[in-house]
Amino acid sequence: MSRYAGKLGELHTAYARLVGLWPADKLRPTHCYKRVLGQHMDAQFDRMAAIQGAALGRELERVQQEIAVLQKLVANKYRTQHRLSAAITDPASHRGYYTKLLGSIDKAVASGKQLSLR
């Protein structure tokens, strides 16, 4: 349940749902983007609760656009629409590099090793 009323409450609920769906980063367990999104959301909606009139309407439109983008990011829509070519994922200068890198990362995560990229 949102602490905001009306359209602001609906948008807050939608935004909070998307923040909850944001995946954890296994490579950077100390850098939680979900927490950053949540803090941004709280600050943004607290600020918008004090706005009225046309300014509020513009802010609501902007938040609706943010929600639409977050929905696409959570659903991996951009990744499926814009596939990377083999020239990028398997460069001729170092065949199999990214495949080996991802394999070693998956192996480290599965073994429970503490990973943290800074």
PDB file of N, CA and C in Angstrom:
ATOM      1  N   MET A   1       0.847  -1.184   0.000  1.00  0.00           N
ATOM      2  CA  MET A   1       0.000   0.000   0.000  1.00  0.00           C
ATOM      3  C   MET A   1       0.889   1.242   0.000  1.00  0.00           C
ATOM      4  N   SER A   2       0.543   2.146  -0.835  1.00  0.00           N
ATOM      5  CA  SER A   2       1.324   3.370  -0.975  1.00  0.00           C
ATOM      6  C   SER A   2       0.888   4.402   0.054  1.00  0.00           C
ATOM      7  N   ARG A   3       1.822   5.228   0.472  1.00  0.00           N
ATOM      8  CA  ARG A   3       1.494   6.294   1.421  1.00  0.00           C
ATOM      9  C   ARG A   3       1.043   7.559   0.706  1.00  0.00           C
ATOM     10  N   TYR A   4       0.956   7.503  -0.619  1.00  0.00           N
ATOM     11  CA  TYR A   4       0.538   8.646  -1.424  1.00  0.00           C
ATOM     12  C   TYR A   4      -0.855   8.384  -1.985  1.00  0.00           C
ATOM     13  N   ALA A   5      -1.599   9.470  -2.228  1.00  0.00           N
ATOM     14  CA  ALA A   5      -2.976   9.340  -2.703  1.00  0.00           C
ATOM     15  C   ALA A   5      -3.064   9.594  -4.204  1.00  0.00           C
ATOM     16  N   GLY A   6      -4.114   9.082  -4.801  1.00  0.00           N
ATOM     17  CA  GLY A   6      -4.424   9.365  -6.201  1.00  0.00           C
ATOM     18  C   GLY A   6      -3.404   8.822  -7.180  1.00  0.00           C
ATOM     19  N   LYS A   7      -3.189   9.587  -8.237  1.00  0.00           N
ATOM     20  CA  LYS A   7      -2.273   9.192  -9.310  1.00  0.00           C
ATOM     21  C   LYS A   7      -0.853   9.005  -8.781  1.00  0.00           C
ATOM     22  N   LEU A   8      -0.456   9.845  -7.841  1.00  0.00           N
ATOM     23  CA  LEU A   8       0.873   9.728  -7.243  1.00  0.00           C
ATOM     24  C   LEU A   8       1.025   8.374  -6.541  1.00  0.00           C
ATOM     25  N   GLY A   9      -0.021   7.946  -5.857  1.00  0.00           N
ATOM     26  CA  GLY A   9      -0.003   6.646  -5.188  1.00  0.00           C
ATOM     27  C   GLY A   9       0.090   5.489  -6.173  1.00  0.00           C
ATOM     28  N   GLU A  10      -0.646   5.597  -7.281  1.00  0.00           N
ATOM     29  CA  GLU A  10      -0.596   4.549  -8.308  1.00  0.00           C
ATOM     30  C   GLU A  10       0.813   4.428  -8.891  1.00  0.00           C
ATOM     31  N   LEU A  11       1.409   5.577  -9.191  1.00  0.00           N
ATOM     32  CA  LEU A  11       2.756   5.567  -9.760  1.00  0.00           C
ATOM     33  C   LEU A  11       3.783   5.055  -8.753  1.00  0.00           C
ATOM     34  N   HIS A  12       3.613   5.420  -7.486  1.00  0.00           N
ATOM     35  CA  HIS A  12       4.531   4.947  -6.450  1.00  0.00           C
ATOM     36  C   HIS A  12       4.455   3.426  -6.330  1.00  0.00           C
ATOM     37  N   THR A  13       3.253   2.878  -6.373  1.00  0.00           N
ATOM     38  CA  THR A  13       3.076   1.431  -6.290  1.00  0.00           C
ATOM     39  C   THR A  13       3.737   0.732  -7.477  1.00  0.00           C
ATOM     40  N   ALA A  14       3.536   1.274  -8.677  1.00  0.00           N
ATOM     41  CA  ALA A  14       4.137   0.684  -9.879  1.00  0.00           C
ATOM     42  C   ALA A  14       5.660   0.758  -9.811  1.00  0.00           C
ATOM     43  N   TYR A  15       6.177   1.892  -9.388  1.00  0.00           N
ATOM     44  CA  TYR A  15       7.631   2.094  -9.286  1.00  0.00           C
ATOM     45  C   TYR A  15       8.213   1.132  -8.244  1.00  0.00           C
ATOM     46  N   ALA A  16       7.547   1.024  -7.089  1.00  0.00           N
ATOM     47  CA  ALA A  16       8.032   0.147  -6.020  1.00  0.00           C
ATOM     48  C   ALA A  16       8.037  -1.316  -6.469  1.00  0.00           C
ATOM     49  N   ARG A  17       7.044  -1.714  -7.253  1.00  0.00           N
ATOM     50  CA  ARG A  17       6.992  -3.084  -7.764  1.00  0.00           C
ATOM     51  C   ARG A  17       8.198  -3.352  -8.665  1.00  0.00           C
ATOM     52  N   LEU A  18       8.521  -2.391  -9.528  1.00  0.00           N
ATOM     53  CA  LEU A  18       9.660  -2.553 -10.431  1.00  0.00           C
ATOM     54  C   LEU A  18      10.985  -2.574  -9.673  1.00  0.00           C
ATOM     55  N   VAL A  19      11.104  -1.747  -8.651  1.00  0.00           N
ATOM     56  CA  VAL A  19      12.319  -1.758  -7.829  1.00  0.00           C
ATOM     57  C   VAL A  19      12.470  -3.129  -7.170  1.00  0.00           C
ATOM     58  N   GLY A  20      11.362  -3.702  -6.728  1.00  0.00           N
ATOM     59  CA  GLY A  20      11.399  -5.029  -6.117  1.00  0.00           C
ATOM     60  C   GLY A  20      11.804  -6.129  -7.083  1.00  0.00           C
ATOM     61  N   LEU A  21      11.521  -5.935  -8.364  1.00  0.00           N
ATOM     62  CA  LEU A  21      11.872  -6.929  -9.384  1.00  0.00           C
ATOM     63  C   LEU A  21      13.312  -6.807  -9.873  1.00  0.00           C
ATOM     64  N   TRP A  22      13.999  -5.726  -9.482  1.00  0.00           N
ATOM     65  CA  TRP A  22      15.357  -5.502  -9.979  1.00  0.00           C
ATOM     66  C   TRP A  22      16.261  -6.631  -9.490  1.00  0.00           C
ATOM     67  N   PRO A  23      17.039  -7.255 -10.373  1.00  0.00           N
ATOM     68  CA  PRO A  23      17.866  -8.402  -9.971  1.00  0.00           C
ATOM     69  C   PRO A  23      19.072  -7.990  -9.124  1.00  0.00           C
ATOM     70  N   ALA A  24      19.497  -8.908  -8.279  1.00  0.00           N
ATOM     71  CA  ALA A  24      20.698  -8.683  -7.471  1.00  0.00           C
ATOM     72  C   ALA A  24      21.925  -8.868  -8.354  1.00  0.00           C
ATOM     73  N   ASP A  25      22.966  -8.133  -8.070  1.00  0.00           N
ATOM     74  CA  ASP A  25      24.209  -8.234  -8.824  1.00  0.00           C
ATOM     75  C   ASP A  25      25.150  -9.165  -8.068  1.00  0.00           C
ATOM     76  N   LYS A  26      25.329 -10.365  -8.593  1.00  0.00           N
ATOM     77  CA  LYS A  26      26.159 -11.358  -7.912  1.00  0.00           C
ATOM     78  C   LYS A  26      27.635 -10.981  -7.925  1.00  0.00           C
ATOM     79  N   LEU A  27      28.040 -10.187  -8.900  1.00  0.00           N
ATOM     80  CA  LEU A  27      29.443  -9.783  -8.970  1.00  0.00           C
ATOM     81  C   LEU A  27      29.781  -8.666  -8.000  1.00  0.00           C
ATOM     82  N   ARG A  28      28.809  -7.847  -7.698  1.00  0.00           N
ATOM     83  CA  ARG A  28      29.039  -6.695  -6.814  1.00  0.00           C
ATOM     84  C   ARG A  28      28.027  -6.721  -5.661  1.00  0.00           C
ATOM     85  N   PRO A  29      28.172  -7.663  -4.745  1.00  0.00           N
ATOM     86  CA  PRO A  29      27.185  -7.776  -3.670  1.00  0.00           C
ATOM     87  C   PRO A  29      27.158  -6.573  -2.732  1.00  0.00           C
ATOM     88  N   THR A  30      28.229  -5.788  -2.718  1.00  0.00           N
ATOM     89  CA  THR A  30      28.267  -4.619  -1.841  1.00  0.00           C
ATOM     90  C   THR A  30      27.700  -3.373  -2.510  1.00  0.00           C
ATOM     91  N   HIS A  31      27.413  -3.451  -3.795  1.00  0.00           N
ATOM     92  CA  HIS A  31      26.861  -2.319  -4.543  1.00  0.00           C
ATOM     93  C   HIS A  31      25.464  -2.699  -5.021  1.00  0.00           C
ATOM     94  N   CYS A  32      24.465  -2.364  -4.251  1.00  0.00           N
ATOM     95  CA  CYS A  32      23.099  -2.793  -4.534  1.00  0.00           C
ATOM     96  C   CYS A  32      22.337  -1.696  -5.278  1.00  0.00           C
ATOM     97  N   TYR A  33      22.160  -1.887  -6.580  1.00  0.00           N
ATOM     98  CA  TYR A  33      21.452  -0.891  -7.380  1.00  0.00           C
ATOM     99  C   TYR A  33      19.972  -0.838  -7.008  1.00  0.00           C
ATOM    100  N   LYS A  34      19.432  -1.953  -6.520  1.00  0.00           N
ATOM    101  CA  LYS A  34      18.038  -1.974  -6.078  1.00  0.00           C
ATOM    102  C   LYS A  34      17.837  -0.973  -4.936  1.00  0.00           C
ATOM    103  N   ARG A  35      18.794  -0.923  -4.022  1.00  0.00           N
ATOM    104  CA  ARG A  35      18.712   0.016  -2.894  1.00  0.00           C
ATOM    105  C   ARG A  35      18.813   1.456  -3.390  1.00  0.00           C
ATOM    106  N   VAL A  36      19.706   1.695  -4.352  1.00  0.00           N
ATOM    107  CA  VAL A  36      19.863   3.040  -4.923  1.00  0.00           C
ATOM    108  C   VAL A  36      18.573   3.474  -5.608  1.00  0.00           C
ATOM    109  N   LEU A  37      17.965   2.576  -6.377  1.00  0.00           N
ATOM    110  CA  LEU A  37      16.685   2.892  -7.029  1.00  0.00           C
ATOM    111  C   LEU A  37      15.605   3.208  -5.996  1.00  0.00           C
ATOM    112  N   GLY A  38      15.566   2.430  -4.923  1.00  0.00           N
ATOM    113  CA  GLY A  38      14.579   2.662  -3.871  1.00  0.00           C
ATOM    114  C   GLY A  38      14.763   4.009  -3.189  1.00  0.00           C
ATOM    115  N   GLN A  39      16.006   4.376  -2.919  1.00  0.00           N
ATOM    116  CA  GLN A  39      16.280   5.674  -2.303  1.00  0.00           C
ATOM    117  C   GLN A  39      15.907   6.814  -3.244  1.00  0.00           C
ATOM    118  N   HIS A  40      16.225   6.647  -4.522  1.00  0.00           N
ATOM    119  CA  HIS A  40      15.856   7.655  -5.523  1.00  0.00           C
ATOM    120  C   HIS A  40      14.340   7.793  -5.589  1.00  0.00           C
ATOM    121  N   MET A  41      13.644   6.664  -5.585  1.00  0.00           N
ATOM    122  CA  MET A  41      12.188   6.669  -5.650  1.00  0.00           C
ATOM    123  C   MET A  41      11.597   7.403  -4.443  1.00  0.00           C
ATOM    124  N   ASP A  42      12.067   7.083  -3.246  1.00  0.00           N
ATOM    125  CA  ASP A  42      11.533   7.722  -2.040  1.00  0.00           C
ATOM    126  C   ASP A  42      11.747   9.231  -2.064  1.00  0.00           C
ATOM    127  N   ALA A  43      12.955   9.657  -2.416  1.00  0.00           N
ATOM    128  CA  ALA A  43      13.250  11.096  -2.462  1.00  0.00           C
ATOM    129  C   ALA A  43      12.405  11.792  -3.527  1.00  0.00           C
ATOM    130  N   GLN A  44      12.265  11.157  -4.661  1.00  0.00           N
ATOM    131  CA  GLN A  44      11.501  11.737  -5.767  1.00  0.00           C
ATOM    132  C   GLN A  44      10.026  11.895  -5.407  1.00  0.00           C
ATOM    133  N   PHE A  45       9.427  10.865  -4.810  1.00  0.00           N
ATOM    134  CA  PHE A  45       8.007  10.929  -4.484  1.00  0.00           C
ATOM    135  C   PHE A  45       7.741  11.844  -3.294  1.00  0.00           C
ATOM    136  N   ASP A  46       8.662  11.917  -2.343  1.00  0.00           N
ATOM    137  CA  ASP A  46       8.501  12.869  -1.240  1.00  0.00           C
ATOM    138  C   ASP A  46       8.518  14.300  -1.770  1.00  0.00           C
ATOM    139  N   ARG A  47       9.412  14.571  -2.730  1.00  0.00           N
ATOM    140  CA  ARG A  47       9.488  15.899  -3.338  1.00  0.00           C
ATOM    141  C   ARG A  47       8.213  16.196  -4.139  1.00  0.00           C
ATOM    142  N   MET A  48       7.723  15.199  -4.861  1.00  0.00           N
ATOM    143  CA  MET A  48       6.524  15.411  -5.684  1.00  0.00           C
ATOM    144  C   MET A  48       5.264  15.596  -4.836  1.00  0.00           C
ATOM    145  N   ALA A  49       5.245  15.044  -3.632  1.00  0.00           N
ATOM    146  CA  ALA A  49       4.072  15.184  -2.770  1.00  0.00           C
ATOM    147  C   ALA A  49       3.839  16.638  -2.378  1.00  0.00           C
ATOM    148  N   ALA A  50       4.894  17.452  -2.416  1.00  0.00           N
ATOM    149  CA  ALA A  50       4.781  18.867  -2.047  1.00  0.00           C
ATOM    150  C   ALA A  50       4.465  19.764  -3.237  1.00  0.00           C
ATOM    151  N   ILE A  51       4.467  19.213  -4.442  1.00  0.00           N
ATOM    152  CA  ILE A  51       4.231  20.005  -5.657  1.00  0.00           C
ATOM    153  C   ILE A  51       2.751  19.960  -6.014  1.00  0.00           C
ATOM    154  N   GLN A  52       2.265  21.047  -6.593  1.00  0.00           N
ATOM    155  CA  GLN A  52       0.864  21.104  -7.032  1.00  0.00           C
ATOM    156  C   GLN A  52       0.781  21.730  -8.414  1.00  0.00           C
ATOM    157  N   GLY A  53      -0.364  21.566  -9.040  1.00  0.00           N
ATOM    158  CA  GLY A  53      -0.643  22.235 -10.307  1.00  0.00           C
ATOM    159  C   GLY A  53       0.083  21.647 -11.498  1.00  0.00           C
ATOM    160  N   ALA A  54       0.432  22.539 -12.436  1.00  0.00           N
ATOM    161  CA  ALA A  54       1.054  22.127 -13.696  1.00  0.00           C
ATOM    162  C   ALA A  54       2.418  21.474 -13.474  1.00  0.00           C
ATOM    163  N   ALA A  55       3.142  21.942 -12.477  1.00  0.00           N
ATOM    164  CA  ALA A  55       4.458  21.364 -12.192  1.00  0.00           C
ATOM    165  C   ALA A  55       4.321  19.894 -11.795  1.00  0.00           C
ATOM    166  N   LEU A  56       3.274  19.579 -11.032  1.00  0.00           N
ATOM    167  CA  LEU A  56       3.032  18.190 -10.640  1.00  0.00           C
ATOM    168  C   LEU A  56       2.704  17.346 -11.866  1.00  0.00           C
ATOM    169  N   GLY A  57       1.916  17.892 -12.772  1.00  0.00           N
ATOM    170  CA  GLY A  57       1.572  17.171 -13.999  1.00  0.00           C
ATOM    171  C   GLY A  57       2.806  16.810 -14.814  1.00  0.00           C
ATOM    172  N   ARG A  58       3.735  17.755 -14.936  1.00  0.00           N
ATOM    173  CA  ARG A  58       4.978  17.488 -15.673  1.00  0.00           C
ATOM    174  C   ARG A  58       5.810  16.411 -14.975  1.00  0.00           C
ATOM    175  N   GLU A  59       5.871  16.484 -13.654  1.00  0.00           N
ATOM    176  CA  GLU A  59       6.627  15.485 -12.894  1.00  0.00           C
ATOM    177  C   GLU A  59       5.998  14.102 -13.023  1.00  0.00           C
ATOM    178  N   LEU A  60       4.664  14.043 -13.005  1.00  0.00           N
ATOM    179  CA  LEU A  60       3.983  12.756 -13.151  1.00  0.00           C
ATOM    180  C   LEU A  60       4.274  12.137 -14.514  1.00  0.00           C
ATOM    181  N   GLU A  61       4.298  12.959 -15.558  1.00  0.00           N
ATOM    182  CA  GLU A  61       4.625  12.462 -16.900  1.00  0.00           C
ATOM    183  C   GLU A  61       6.052  11.920 -16.947  1.00  0.00           C
ATOM    184  N   ARG A  62       6.965  12.629 -16.313  1.00  0.00           N
ATOM    185  CA  ARG A  62       8.361  12.193 -16.292  1.00  0.00           C
ATOM    186  C   ARG A  62       8.506  10.862 -15.555  1.00  0.00           C
ATOM    187  N   VAL A  63       7.785  10.724 -14.443  1.00  0.00           N
ATOM    188  CA  VAL A  63       7.843   9.478 -13.672  1.00  0.00           C
ATOM    189  C   VAL A  63       7.228   8.330 -14.474  1.00  0.00           C
ATOM    190  N   GLN A  64       6.160   8.610 -15.218  1.00  0.00           N
ATOM    191  CA  GLN A  64       5.571   7.571 -16.064  1.00  0.00           C
ATOM    192  C   GLN A  64       6.582   7.090 -17.104  1.00  0.00           C
ATOM    193  N   GLN A  65       7.365   8.009 -17.645  1.00  0.00           N
ATOM    194  CA  GLN A  65       8.403   7.624 -18.608  1.00  0.00           C
ATOM    195  C   GLN A  65       9.482   6.776 -17.933  1.00  0.00           C
ATOM    196  N   GLU A  66       9.873   7.148 -16.716  1.00  0.00           N
ATOM    197  CA  GLU A  66      10.862   6.363 -15.971  1.00  0.00           C
ATOM    198  C   GLU A  66      10.343   4.955 -15.717  1.00  0.00           C
ATOM    199  N   ILE A  67       9.074   4.852 -15.354  1.00  0.00           N
ATOM    200  CA  ILE A  67       8.471   3.547 -15.086  1.00  0.00           C
ATOM    201  C   ILE A  67       8.471   2.695 -16.351  1.00  0.00           C
ATOM    202  N   ALA A  68       8.143   3.299 -17.488  1.00  0.00           N
ATOM    203  CA  ALA A  68       8.141   2.559 -18.757  1.00  0.00           C
ATOM    204  C   ALA A  68       9.538   2.029 -19.080  1.00  0.00           C
ATOM    205  N   VAL A  69      10.556   2.846 -18.856  1.00  0.00           N
ATOM    206  CA  VAL A  69      11.933   2.417 -19.121  1.00  0.00           C
ATOM    207  C   VAL A  69      12.337   1.308 -18.153  1.00  0.00           C
ATOM    208  N   LEU A  70      12.006   1.454 -16.869  1.00  0.00           N
ATOM    209  CA  LEU A  70      12.337   0.412 -15.890  1.00  0.00           C
ATOM    210  C   LEU A  70      11.660  -0.905 -16.241  1.00  0.00           C
ATOM    211  N   GLN A  71      10.403  -0.848 -16.718  1.00  0.00           N
ATOM    212  CA  GLN A  71       9.705  -2.069 -17.125  1.00  0.00           C
ATOM    213  C   GLN A  71      10.467  -2.769 -18.246  1.00  0.00           C
ATOM    214  N   LYS A  72      10.939  -1.995 -19.207  1.00  0.00           N
ATOM    215  CA  LYS A  72      11.687  -2.580 -20.324  1.00  0.00           C
ATOM    216  C   LYS A  72      13.024  -3.152 -19.855  1.00  0.00           C
ATOM    217  N   LEU A  73      13.681  -2.466 -18.922  1.00  0.00           N
ATOM    218  CA  LEU A  73      14.953  -2.968 -18.406  1.00  0.00           C
ATOM    219  C   LEU A  73      14.765  -4.263 -17.621  1.00  0.00           C
ATOM    220  N   VAL A  74      13.752  -4.310 -16.765  1.00  0.00           N
ATOM    221  CA  VAL A  74      13.498  -5.503 -15.964  1.00  0.00           C
ATOM    222  C   VAL A  74      13.144  -6.689 -16.863  1.00  0.00           C
ATOM    223  N   ALA A  75      12.426  -6.425 -17.956  1.00  0.00           N
ATOM    224  CA  ALA A  75      12.021  -7.485 -18.881  1.00  0.00           C
ATOM    225  C   ALA A  75      13.109  -7.828 -19.902  1.00  0.00           C
ATOM    226  N   ASN A  76      14.265  -7.173 -19.844  1.00  0.00           N
ATOM    227  CA  ASN A  76      15.359  -7.373 -20.799  1.00  0.00           C
ATOM    228  C   ASN A  76      14.942  -7.093 -22.237  1.00  0.00           C
ATOM    229  N   LYS A  77      14.022  -6.172 -22.428  1.00  0.00           N
ATOM    230  CA  LYS A  77      13.530  -5.872 -23.769  1.00  0.00           C
ATOM    231  C   LYS A  77      14.630  -5.294 -24.655  1.00  0.00           C
ATOM    232  N   TYR A  78      15.464  -4.439 -24.107  1.00  0.00           N
ATOM    233  CA  TYR A  78      16.528  -3.833 -24.905  1.00  0.00           C
ATOM    234  C   TYR A  78      17.546  -4.884 -25.340  1.00  0.00           C
ATOM    235  N   ARG A  79      17.805  -5.839 -24.477  1.00  0.00           N
ATOM    236  CA  ARG A  79      18.774  -6.892 -24.812  1.00  0.00           C
ATOM    237  C   ARG A  79      18.261  -7.759 -25.955  1.00  0.00           C
ATOM    238  N   THR A  80      16.969  -8.050 -25.954  1.00  0.00           N
ATOM    239  CA  THR A  80      16.417  -8.881 -27.019  1.00  0.00           C
ATOM    240  C   THR A  80      16.248  -8.099 -28.316  1.00  0.00           C
ATOM    241  N   GLN A  81      16.001  -6.808 -28.234  1.00  0.00           N
ATOM    242  CA  GLN A  81      15.836  -5.988 -29.436  1.00  0.00           C
ATOM    243  C   GLN A  81      17.168  -5.668 -30.102  1.00  0.00           C
ATOM    244  N   HIS A  82      18.191  -5.481 -29.320  1.00  0.00           N
ATOM    245  CA  HIS A  82      19.480  -5.033 -29.841  1.00  0.00           C
ATOM    246  C   HIS A  82      20.563  -6.054 -29.505  1.00  0.00           C
ATOM    247  N   ARG A  83      20.557  -7.141 -30.223  1.00  0.00           N
ATOM    248  CA  ARG A  83      21.546  -8.197 -29.993  1.00  0.00           C
ATOM    249  C   ARG A  83      22.942  -7.738 -30.424  1.00  0.00           C
ATOM    250  N   LEU A  84      23.933  -8.195 -29.691  1.00  0.00           N
ATOM    251  CA  LEU A  84      25.319  -7.882 -30.032  1.00  0.00           C
ATOM    252  C   LEU A  84      25.799  -8.827 -31.132  1.00  0.00           C
ATOM    253  N   SER A  85      26.597  -8.308 -32.021  1.00  0.00           N
ATOM    254  CA  SER A  85      27.118  -9.129 -33.115  1.00  0.00           C
ATOM    255  C   SER A  85      28.245 -10.025 -32.605  1.00  0.00           C
ATOM    256  N   ALA A  86      28.554 -11.048 -33.382  1.00  0.00           N
ATOM    257  CA  ALA A  86      29.633 -11.964 -33.021  1.00  0.00           C
ATOM    258  C   ALA A  86      30.983 -11.252 -33.007  1.00  0.00           C
ATOM    259  N   ALA A  87      31.119 -10.198 -33.790  1.00  0.00           N
ATOM    260  CA  ALA A  87      32.376  -9.447 -33.801  1.00  0.00           C
ATOM    261  C   ALA A  87      32.652  -8.813 -32.438  1.00  0.00           C
ATOM    262  N   ILE A  88      31.608  -8.522 -31.695  1.00  0.00           N
ATOM    263  CA  ILE A  88      31.775  -7.929 -30.362  1.00  0.00           C
ATOM    264  C   ILE A  88      31.881  -9.014 -29.300  1.00  0.00           C
ATOM    265  N   THR A  89      31.016 -10.026 -29.373  1.00  0.00           N
ATOM    266  CA  THR A  89      30.992 -11.053 -28.334  1.00  0.00           C
ATOM    267  C   THR A  89      32.105 -12.083 -28.468  1.00  0.00           C
ATOM    268  N   ASP A  90      32.661 -12.230 -29.661  1.00  0.00           N
ATOM    269  CA  ASP A  90      33.744 -13.186 -29.880  1.00  0.00           C
ATOM    270  C   ASP A  90      34.768 -12.570 -30.835  1.00  0.00           C
ATOM    271  N   PRO A  91      35.544 -11.594 -30.356  1.00  0.00           N
ATOM    272  CA  PRO A  91      36.463 -10.872 -31.246  1.00  0.00           C
ATOM    273  C   PRO A  91      37.555 -11.784 -31.812  1.00  0.00           C
ATOM    274  N   ALA A  92      37.946 -11.506 -33.034  1.00  0.00           N
ATOM    275  CA  ALA A  92      38.971 -12.310 -33.706  1.00  0.00           C
ATOM    276  C   ALA A  92      40.307 -12.254 -32.973  1.00  0.00           C
ATOM    277  N   SER A  93      40.575 -11.173 -32.282  1.00  0.00           N
ATOM    278  CA  SER A  93      41.855 -11.023 -31.586  1.00  0.00           C
ATOM    279  C   SER A  93      41.980 -11.928 -30.362  1.00  0.00           C
ATOM    280  N   HIS A  94      40.845 -12.394 -29.833  1.00  0.00           N
ATOM    281  CA  HIS A  94      40.897 -13.230 -28.627  1.00  0.00           C
ATOM    282  C   HIS A  94      39.652 -14.113 -28.580  1.00  0.00           C
ATOM    283  N   ARG A  95      39.640 -15.136 -29.412  1.00  0.00           N
ATOM    284  CA  ARG A  95      38.487 -16.037 -29.503  1.00  0.00           C
ATOM    285  C   ARG A  95      38.198 -16.706 -28.157  1.00  0.00           C
ATOM    286  N   GLY A  96      36.927 -16.726 -27.794  1.00  0.00           N
ATOM    287  CA  GLY A  96      36.494 -17.416 -26.585  1.00  0.00           C
ATOM    288  C   GLY A  96      36.750 -16.672 -25.284  1.00  0.00           C
ATOM    289  N   TYR A  97      37.261 -15.463 -25.343  1.00  0.00           N
ATOM    290  CA  TYR A  97      37.608 -14.726 -24.124  1.00  0.00           C
ATOM    291  C   TYR A  97      36.391 -14.518 -23.224  1.00  0.00           C
ATOM    292  N   TYR A  98      35.317 -13.990 -23.781  1.00  0.00           N
ATOM    293  CA  TYR A  98      34.149 -13.674 -22.961  1.00  0.00           C
ATOM    294  C   TYR A  98      33.443 -14.937 -22.479  1.00  0.00           C
ATOM    295  N   THR A  99      33.463 -15.978 -23.283  1.00  0.00           N
ATOM    296  CA  THR A  99      32.874 -17.244 -22.855  1.00  0.00           C
ATOM    297  C   THR A  99      33.631 -17.788 -21.649  1.00  0.00           C
ATOM    298  N   LYS A 100      34.956 -17.762 -21.708  1.00  0.00           N
ATOM    299  CA  LYS A 100      35.776 -18.224 -20.584  1.00  0.00           C
ATOM    300  C   LYS A 100      35.591 -17.327 -19.364  1.00  0.00           C
ATOM    301  N   LEU A 101      35.511 -16.027 -19.585  1.00  0.00           N
ATOM    302  CA  LEU A 101      35.323 -15.080 -18.483  1.00  0.00           C
ATOM    303  C   LEU A 101      34.001 -15.339 -17.769  1.00  0.00           C
ATOM    304  N   LEU A 102      32.926 -15.479 -18.529  1.00  0.00           N
ATOM    305  CA  LEU A 102      31.621 -15.750 -17.925  1.00  0.00           C
ATOM    306  C   LEU A 102      31.617 -17.094 -17.209  1.00  0.00           C
ATOM    307  N   GLY A 103      32.282 -18.080 -17.788  1.00  0.00           N
ATOM    308  CA  GLY A 103      32.379 -19.388 -17.140  1.00  0.00           C
ATOM    309  C   GLY A 103      33.097 -19.307 -15.802  1.00  0.00           C
ATOM    310  N   SER A 104      34.190 -18.563 -15.758  1.00  0.00           N
ATOM    311  CA  SER A 104      34.931 -18.439 -14.498  1.00  0.00           C
ATOM    312  C   SER A 104      34.138 -17.654 -13.454  1.00  0.00           C
ATOM    313  N   ILE A 105      33.380 -16.660 -13.897  1.00  0.00           N
ATOM    314  CA  ILE A 105      32.538 -15.902 -12.962  1.00  0.00           C
ATOM    315  C   ILE A 105      31.437 -16.792 -12.408  1.00  0.00           C
ATOM    316  N   ASP A 106      30.769 -17.542 -13.288  1.00  0.00           N
ATOM    317  CA  ASP A 106      29.710 -18.454 -12.838  1.00  0.00           C
ATOM    318  C   ASP A 106      30.257 -19.498 -11.870  1.00  0.00           C
ATOM    319  N   LYS A 107      31.442 -20.012 -12.160  1.00  0.00           N
ATOM    320  CA  LYS A 107      32.067 -21.007 -11.293  1.00  0.00           C
ATOM    321  C   LYS A 107      32.372 -20.405  -9.917  1.00  0.00           C
ATOM    322  N   ALA A 108      32.890 -19.186  -9.893  1.00  0.00           N
ATOM    323  CA  ALA A 108      33.206 -18.526  -8.624  1.00  0.00           C
ATOM    324  C   ALA A 108      31.946 -18.237  -7.818  1.00  0.00           C
ATOM    325  N   VAL A 109      30.885 -17.800  -8.505  1.00  0.00           N
ATOM    326  CA  VAL A 109      29.624 -17.522  -7.814  1.00  0.00           C
ATOM    327  C   VAL A 109      29.043 -18.811  -7.255  1.00  0.00           C
ATOM    328  N   ALA A 110      29.080 -19.894  -8.046  1.00  0.00           N
ATOM    329  CA  ALA A 110      28.532 -21.176  -7.601  1.00  0.00           C
ATOM    330  C   ALA A 110      29.310 -21.741  -6.416  1.00  0.00           C
ATOM    331  N   SER A 111      30.620 -21.498  -6.376  1.00  0.00           N
ATOM    332  CA  SER A 111      31.425 -22.029  -5.276  1.00  0.00           C
ATOM    333  C   SER A 111      31.327 -21.175  -4.016  1.00  0.00           C
ATOM    334  N   GLY A 112      30.665 -20.024  -4.127  1.00  0.00           N
ATOM    335  CA  GLY A 112      30.459 -19.179  -2.952  1.00  0.00           C
ATOM    336  C   GLY A 112      31.618 -18.260  -2.632  1.00  0.00           C
ATOM    337  N   LYS A 113      32.538 -18.100  -3.559  1.00  0.00           N
ATOM    338  CA  LYS A 113      33.651 -17.185  -3.317  1.00  0.00           C
ATOM    339  C   LYS A 113      33.140 -15.759  -3.223  1.00  0.00           C
ATOM    340  N   GLN A 114      33.771 -14.988  -2.364  1.00  0.00           N
ATOM    341  CA  GLN A 114      33.402 -13.585  -2.202  1.00  0.00           C
ATOM    342  C   GLN A 114      33.947 -12.791  -3.373  1.00  0.00           C
ATOM    343  N   LEU A 115      33.049 -12.252  -4.188  1.00  0.00           N
ATOM    344  CA  LEU A 115      33.449 -11.448  -5.337  1.00  0.00           C
ATOM    345  C   LEU A 115      33.030 -10.014  -5.107  1.00  0.00           C
ATOM    346  N   SER A 116      33.887  -9.126  -5.451  1.00  0.00           N
ATOM    347  CA  SER A 116      33.529  -7.718  -5.375  1.00  0.00           C
ATOM    348  C   SER A 116      34.389  -6.948  -6.355  1.00  0.00           C
ATOM    349  N   LEU A 117      33.748  -6.423  -7.380  1.00  0.00           N
ATOM    350  CA  LEU A 117      34.456  -5.598  -8.349  1.00  0.00           C
ATOM    351  C   LEU A 117      34.278  -4.154  -7.944  1.00  0.00           C
ATOM    352  N   ARG A 118      35.340  -3.418  -7.932  1.00  0.00           N
ATOM    353  CA  ARG A 118      35.238  -2.013  -7.538  1.00  0.00           C
ATOM    354  C   ARG A 118      35.453  -1.133  -8.707  1.00  0.00           C
TER     355      ARG A 118
END
